[in-house]
PDB file of all heavy atoms in Angstrom:
ATOM      1  N   ASN A   1     -13.906  -3.753  16.409  1.00  0.00           N
ATOM      2  CA  ASN A   1     -13.477  -2.355  16.510  1.00  0.00           C
ATOM      3  C   ASN A   1     -12.663  -2.115  17.768  1.00  0.00           C
ATOM      4  O   ASN A   1     -11.643  -1.408  17.744  1.00  0.00           O
ATOM      5  CB  ASN A   1     -14.696  -1.429  16.513  1.00  0.00           C
ATOM      6  CG  ASN A   1     -15.438  -1.427  15.193  1.00  0.00           C
ATOM      7  OD1 ASN A   1     -14.964  -1.966  14.188  1.00  0.00           O
ATOM      8  ND2 ASN A   1     -16.620  -0.832  15.185  1.00  0.00           N
ATOM      9  N   HIS A   2     -13.111  -2.683  18.884  1.00  0.00           N
ATOM     10  CA  HIS A   2     -12.393  -2.447  20.131  1.00  0.00           C
ATOM     11  C   HIS A   2     -11.057  -3.175  20.170  1.00  0.00           C
ATOM     12  O   HIS A   2     -10.064  -2.613  20.659  1.00  0.00           O
ATOM     13  CB  HIS A   2     -13.274  -2.834  21.321  1.00  0.00           C
ATOM     14  CG  HIS A   2     -14.297  -1.799  21.649  1.00  0.00           C
ATOM     15  ND1 HIS A   2     -15.495  -1.710  20.976  1.00  0.00           N
ATOM     16  CD2 HIS A   2     -14.276  -0.775  22.558  1.00  0.00           C
ATOM     17  CE1 HIS A   2     -16.185  -0.683  21.467  1.00  0.00           C
ATOM     18  NE2 HIS A   2     -15.469  -0.101  22.416  1.00  0.00           N
ATOM     19  N   ASP A   3     -10.997  -4.397  19.650  1.00  0.00           N
ATOM     20  CA  ASP A   3      -9.700  -5.064  19.529  1.00  0.00           C
ATOM     21  C   ASP A   3      -8.723  -4.188  18.747  1.00  0.00           C
ATOM     22  O   ASP A   3      -7.546  -4.052  19.105  1.00  0.00           O
ATOM     23  CB  ASP A   3      -9.852  -6.414  18.814  1.00  0.00           C
ATOM     24  CG  ASP A   3     -10.488  -7.484  19.678  1.00  0.00           C
ATOM     25  OD1 ASP A   3     -10.515  -7.332  20.912  1.00  0.00           O
ATOM     26  OD2 ASP A   3     -10.975  -8.485  19.103  1.00  0.00           O
ATOM     27  N   PHE A   4      -9.230  -3.596  17.675  1.00  0.00           N
ATOM     28  CA  PHE A   4      -8.383  -2.768  16.814  1.00  0.00           C
ATOM     29  C   PHE A   4      -7.987  -1.468  17.525  1.00  0.00           C
ATOM     30  O   PHE A   4      -6.845  -0.996  17.401  1.00  0.00           O
ATOM     31  CB  PHE A   4      -9.128  -2.451  15.513  1.00  0.00           C
ATOM     32  CG  PHE A   4      -8.238  -1.963  14.411  1.00  0.00           C
ATOM     33  CD1 PHE A   4      -7.704  -2.838  13.473  1.00  0.00           C
ATOM     34  CD2 PHE A   4      -7.913  -0.617  14.303  1.00  0.00           C
ATOM     35  CE1 PHE A   4      -6.864  -2.386  12.468  1.00  0.00           C
ATOM     36  CE2 PHE A   4      -7.081  -0.153  13.311  1.00  0.00           C
ATOM     37  CZ  PHE A   4      -6.556  -1.041  12.381  1.00  0.00           C
ATOM     38  N   PHE A   5      -8.905  -0.893  18.269  1.00  0.00           N
ATOM     39  CA  PHE A   5      -8.645   0.352  18.997  1.00  0.00           C
ATOM     40  C   PHE A   5      -7.530   0.166  20.018  1.00  0.00           C
ATOM     41  O   PHE A   5      -6.609   0.996  20.106  1.00  0.00           O
ATOM     42  CB  PHE A   5      -9.935   0.813  19.678  1.00  0.00           C
ATOM     43  CG  PHE A   5      -9.802   2.062  20.499  1.00  0.00           C
ATOM     44  CD1 PHE A   5      -9.259   3.230  19.976  1.00  0.00           C
ATOM     45  CD2 PHE A   5     -10.250   2.083  21.822  1.00  0.00           C
ATOM     46  CE1 PHE A   5      -9.164   4.393  20.742  1.00  0.00           C
ATOM     47  CE2 PHE A   5     -10.158   3.234  22.592  1.00  0.00           C
ATOM     48  CZ  PHE A   5      -9.614   4.390  22.054  1.00  0.00           C
ATOM     49  N   TRP A   6      -7.593  -0.912  20.815  1.00  0.00           N
ATOM     50  CA  TRP A   6      -6.528  -1.131  21.808  1.00  0.00           C
ATOM     51  C   TRP A   6      -5.172  -1.258  21.120  1.00  0.00           C
ATOM     52  O   TRP A   6      -4.164  -0.750  21.626  1.00  0.00           O
ATOM     53  CB  TRP A   6      -6.806  -2.387  22.640  1.00  0.00           C
ATOM     54  CG  TRP A   6      -8.168  -2.477  23.257  1.00  0.00           C
ATOM     55  CD1 TRP A   6      -8.991  -3.579  23.261  1.00  0.00           C
ATOM     56  CD2 TRP A   6      -8.872  -1.454  23.980  1.00  0.00           C
ATOM     57  NE1 TRP A   6     -10.163  -3.302  23.925  1.00  0.00           N
ATOM     58  CE2 TRP A   6     -10.119  -2.007  24.379  1.00  0.00           C
ATOM     59  CE3 TRP A   6      -8.592  -0.136  24.323  1.00  0.00           C
ATOM     60  CZ2 TRP A   6     -11.067  -1.291  25.097  1.00  0.00           C
ATOM     61  CZ3 TRP A   6      -9.542   0.592  25.031  1.00  0.00           C
ATOM     62  CH2 TRP A   6     -10.759   0.022  25.412  1.00  0.00           C
ATOM     63  N   ASP A   7      -5.149  -1.915  19.964  1.00  0.00           N
ATOM     64  CA  ASP A   7      -3.886  -2.090  19.243  1.00  0.00           C
ATOM     65  C   ASP A   7      -3.384  -0.790  18.616  1.00  0.00           C
ATOM     66  O   ASP A   7      -2.216  -0.716  18.210  1.00  0.00           O
ATOM     67  CB  ASP A   7      -4.042  -3.142  18.146  1.00  0.00           C
ATOM     68  CG  ASP A   7      -4.104  -4.556  18.699  1.00  0.00           C
ATOM     69  OD1 ASP A   7      -3.724  -4.743  19.876  1.00  0.00           O
ATOM     70  OD2 ASP A   7      -4.527  -5.469  17.966  1.00  0.00           O
ATOM     71  N   SER A   8      -4.248   0.206  18.502  1.00  0.00           N
ATOM     72  CA  SER A   8      -3.862   1.487  17.902  1.00  0.00           C
ATOM     73  C   SER A   8      -3.116   2.384  18.875  1.00  0.00           C
ATOM     74  O   SER A   8      -2.630   3.449  18.482  1.00  0.00           O
ATOM     75  CB  SER A   8      -5.112   2.230  17.393  1.00  0.00           C
ATOM     76  OG  SER A   8      -5.694   1.576  16.291  1.00  0.00           O
ATOM     77  N   MET A   9      -3.027   1.963  20.145  1.00  0.00           N
ATOM     78  CA  MET A   9      -2.388   2.798  21.164  1.00  0.00           C
ATOM     79  C   MET A   9      -1.241   2.046  21.831  1.00  0.00           C
ATOM     80  O   MET A   9      -1.150   0.823  21.759  1.00  0.00           O
ATOM     81  CB  MET A   9      -3.414   3.195  22.230  1.00  0.00           C
ATOM     82  CG  MET A   9      -4.563   4.034  21.704  1.00  0.00           C
ATOM     83  SD  MET A   9      -5.732   4.539  22.997  1.00  0.00           S
ATOM     84  CE  MET A   9      -6.546   2.975  23.350  1.00  0.00           C
ATOM     85  N   LYS A  10      -0.378   2.804  22.476  1.00  0.00           N
ATOM     86  CA  LYS A  10       0.697   2.213  23.277  1.00  0.00           C
ATOM     87  C   LYS A  10       1.154   3.233  24.311  1.00  0.00           C
ATOM     88  O   LYS A  10       0.979   4.452  24.124  1.00  0.00           O
ATOM     89  CB  LYS A  10       1.879   1.815  22.388  1.00  0.00           C
ATOM     90  CG  LYS A  10       2.662   2.993  21.835  1.00  0.00           C
ATOM     91  CD  LYS A  10       3.984   2.543  21.216  1.00  0.00           C
ATOM     92  CE  LYS A  10       4.880   3.740  20.899  1.00  0.00           C
ATOM     93  NZ  LYS A  10       6.204   3.306  20.428  1.00  0.00           N
ATOM     94  N   PRO A  11       1.743   2.781  25.403  1.00  0.00           N
ATOM     95  CA  PRO A  11       2.342   3.724  26.357  1.00  0.00           C
ATOM     96  C   PRO A  11       3.470   4.501  25.670  1.00  0.00           C
ATOM     97  O   PRO A  11       4.264   3.925  24.926  1.00  0.00           O
ATOM     98  CB  PRO A  11       2.886   2.811  27.456  1.00  0.00           C
ATOM     99  CG  PRO A  11       2.136   1.528  27.304  1.00  0.00           C
ATOM    100  CD  PRO A  11       1.835   1.388  25.853  1.00  0.00           C
ATOM    101  N   GLY A  12       3.516   5.797  25.894  1.00  0.00           N
ATOM    102  CA  GLY A  12       4.560   6.604  25.278  1.00  0.00           C
ATOM    103  C   GLY A  12       4.377   6.789  23.791  1.00  0.00           C
ATOM    104  O   GLY A  12       5.351   6.994  23.061  1.00  0.00           O
ATOM    105  N   GLY A  13       3.147   6.705  23.311  1.00  0.00           N
ATOM    106  CA  GLY A  13       2.881   6.837  21.879  1.00  0.00           C
ATOM    107  C   GLY A  13       2.718   8.281  21.445  1.00  0.00           C
ATOM    108  O   GLY A  13       3.131   9.222  22.119  1.00  0.00           O
ATOM    109  N   GLY A  14       2.084   8.444  20.282  1.00  0.00           N
ATOM    110  CA  GLY A  14       1.851   9.780  19.746  1.00  0.00           C
ATOM    111  C   GLY A  14       3.026  10.298  18.943  1.00  0.00           C
ATOM    112  O   GLY A  14       3.916   9.549  18.534  1.00  0.00           O
ATOM    113  N   GLY A  15       3.015  11.582  18.712  1.00  0.00           N
ATOM    114  CA  GLY A  15       4.082  12.205  17.934  1.00  0.00           C
ATOM    115  C   GLY A  15       3.870  12.017  16.447  1.00  0.00           C
ATOM    116  O   GLY A  15       2.737  12.062  15.954  1.00  0.00           O
ATOM    117  N   LYS A  16       4.946  11.747  15.750  1.00  0.00           N
ATOM    118  CA  LYS A  16       4.921  11.695  14.288  1.00  0.00           C
ATOM    119  C   LYS A  16       5.514  10.374  13.812  1.00  0.00           C
ATOM    120  O   LYS A  16       6.505   9.897  14.366  1.00  0.00           O
ATOM    121  CB  LYS A  16       5.748  12.874  13.741  1.00  0.00           C
ATOM    122  CG  LYS A  16       5.618  13.137  12.266  1.00  0.00           C
ATOM    123  CD  LYS A  16       6.371  14.425  11.915  1.00  0.00           C
ATOM    124  CE  LYS A  16       6.265  14.778  10.445  1.00  0.00           C
ATOM    125  NZ  LYS A  16       6.943  16.052  10.123  1.00  0.00           N
ATOM    126  N   PRO A  17       4.932   9.759  12.795  1.00  0.00           N
ATOM    127  CA  PRO A  17       5.486   8.508  12.269  1.00  0.00           C
ATOM    128  C   PRO A  17       6.763   8.757  11.479  1.00  0.00           C
ATOM    129  O   PRO A  17       7.185   9.906  11.282  1.00  0.00           O
ATOM    130  CB  PRO A  17       4.375   7.977  11.363  1.00  0.00           C
ATOM    131  CG  PRO A  17       3.682   9.207  10.879  1.00  0.00           C
ATOM    132  CD  PRO A  17       3.723  10.168  12.044  1.00  0.00           C
ATOM    133  N   SER A  18       7.346   7.688  10.996  1.00  0.00           N
ATOM    134  CA  SER A  18       8.570   7.814  10.198  1.00  0.00           C
ATOM    135  C   SER A  18       8.520   6.786   9.071  1.00  0.00           C
ATOM    136  O   SER A  18       7.553   6.051   8.911  1.00  0.00           O
ATOM    137  CB  SER A  18       9.808   7.579  11.077  1.00  0.00           C
ATOM    138  OG  SER A  18       9.760   6.282  11.675  1.00  0.00           O
ATOM    139  N   GLY A  19       9.576   6.744   8.278  1.00  0.00           N
ATOM    140  CA  GLY A  19       9.724   5.720   7.255  1.00  0.00           C
ATOM    141  C   GLY A  19       8.665   5.774   6.170  1.00  0.00           C
ATOM    142  O   GLY A  19       8.173   6.851   5.799  1.00  0.00           O
ATOM    143  N   GLU A  20       8.294   4.596   5.672  1.00  0.00           N
ATOM    144  CA  GLU A  20       7.349   4.495   4.557  1.00  0.00           C
ATOM    145  C   GLU A  20       5.977   5.020   4.918  1.00  0.00           C
ATOM    146  O   GLU A  20       5.273   5.576   4.065  1.00  0.00           O
ATOM    147  CB  GLU A  20       7.242   3.046   4.080  1.00  0.00           C
ATOM    148  CG  GLU A  20       8.482   2.532   3.369  1.00  0.00           C
ATOM    149  CD  GLU A  20       8.832   3.382   2.152  1.00  0.00           C
ATOM    150  OE1 GLU A  20       7.897   3.718   1.375  1.00  0.00           O
ATOM    151  OE2 GLU A  20      10.013   3.714   1.976  1.00  0.00           O
ATOM    152  N   LEU A  21       5.570   4.857   6.168  1.00  0.00           N
ATOM    153  CA  LEU A  21       4.268   5.382   6.581  1.00  0.00           C
ATOM    154  C   LEU A  21       4.226   6.901   6.442  1.00  0.00           C
ATOM    155  O   LEU A  21       3.265   7.453   5.887  1.00  0.00           O
ATOM    156  CB  LEU A  21       3.963   4.975   8.024  1.00  0.00           C
ATOM    157  CG  LEU A  21       2.703   5.589   8.637  1.00  0.00           C
ATOM    158  CD1 LEU A  21       1.452   5.213   7.838  1.00  0.00           C
ATOM    159  CD2 LEU A  21       2.552   5.157  10.106  1.00  0.00           C
ATOM    160  N   LEU A  22       5.251   7.571   6.913  1.00  0.00           N
ATOM    161  CA  LEU A  22       5.286   9.027   6.792  1.00  0.00           C
ATOM    162  C   LEU A  22       5.305   9.451   5.327  1.00  0.00           C
ATOM    163  O   LEU A  22       4.595  10.384   4.928  1.00  0.00           O
ATOM    164  CB  LEU A  22       6.498   9.588   7.521  1.00  0.00           C
ATOM    165  CG  LEU A  22       6.647  11.126   7.465  1.00  0.00           C
ATOM    166  CD1 LEU A  22       5.431  11.822   8.050  1.00  0.00           C
ATOM    167  CD2 LEU A  22       7.920  11.566   8.186  1.00  0.00           C
ATOM    168  N   LYS A  23       6.078   8.752   4.496  1.00  0.00           N
ATOM    169  CA  LYS A  23       6.124   9.080   3.068  1.00  0.00           C
ATOM    170  C   LYS A  23       4.749   8.919   2.428  1.00  0.00           C
ATOM    171  O   LYS A  23       4.326   9.752   1.606  1.00  0.00           O
ATOM    172  CB  LYS A  23       7.141   8.197   2.352  1.00  0.00           C
ATOM    173  CG  LYS A  23       8.593   8.480   2.719  1.00  0.00           C
ATOM    174  CD  LYS A  23       9.531   7.528   1.992  1.00  0.00           C
ATOM    175  CE  LYS A  23      10.989   7.764   2.382  1.00  0.00           C
ATOM    176  NZ  LYS A  23      11.898   6.802   1.699  1.00  0.00           N
ATOM    177  N   SER A  24       4.034   7.861   2.786  1.00  0.00           N
ATOM    178  CA  SER A  24       2.710   7.617   2.223  1.00  0.00           C
ATOM    179  C   SER A  24       1.722   8.685   2.670  1.00  0.00           C
ATOM    180  O   SER A  24       0.888   9.153   1.882  1.00  0.00           O
ATOM    181  CB  SER A  24       2.203   6.231   2.635  1.00  0.00           C
ATOM    182  OG  SER A  24       3.004   5.216   2.094  1.00  0.00           O
ATOM    183  N   ILE A  25       1.794   9.072   3.938  1.00  0.00           N
ATOM    184  CA  ILE A  25       0.913  10.129   4.447  1.00  0.00           C
ATOM    185  C   ILE A  25       1.197  11.445   3.740  1.00  0.00           C
ATOM    186  O   ILE A  25       0.269  12.153   3.307  1.00  0.00           O
ATOM    187  CB  ILE A  25       1.083  10.274   5.973  1.00  0.00           C
ATOM    188  CG1 ILE A  25       0.452   9.073   6.694  1.00  0.00           C
ATOM    189  CG2 ILE A  25       0.462  11.574   6.469  1.00  0.00           C
ATOM    190  CD1 ILE A  25       0.684   9.048   8.187  1.00  0.00           C
ATOM    191  N   GLU A  26       2.470  11.786   3.600  1.00  0.00           N
ATOM    192  CA  GLU A  26       2.828  13.050   2.932  1.00  0.00           C
ATOM    193  C   GLU A  26       2.419  13.032   1.463  1.00  0.00           C
ATOM    194  O   GLU A  26       1.994  14.056   0.913  1.00  0.00           O
ATOM    195  CB  GLU A  26       4.324  13.296   3.080  1.00  0.00           C
ATOM    196  CG  GLU A  26       4.723  13.619   4.518  1.00  0.00           C
ATOM    197  CD  GLU A  26       6.220  13.731   4.704  1.00  0.00           C
ATOM    198  OE1 GLU A  26       6.986  13.190   3.865  1.00  0.00           O
ATOM    199  OE2 GLU A  26       6.643  14.378   5.689  1.00  0.00           O
TER     200      GLU A  26
END
């Protein structure tokens, strides 16, 4: 879980996704 959690973040992250991920979420 913690390995996965660190990979879920990045410096300057956040906001809104784009591309196929955004289409799938919508």
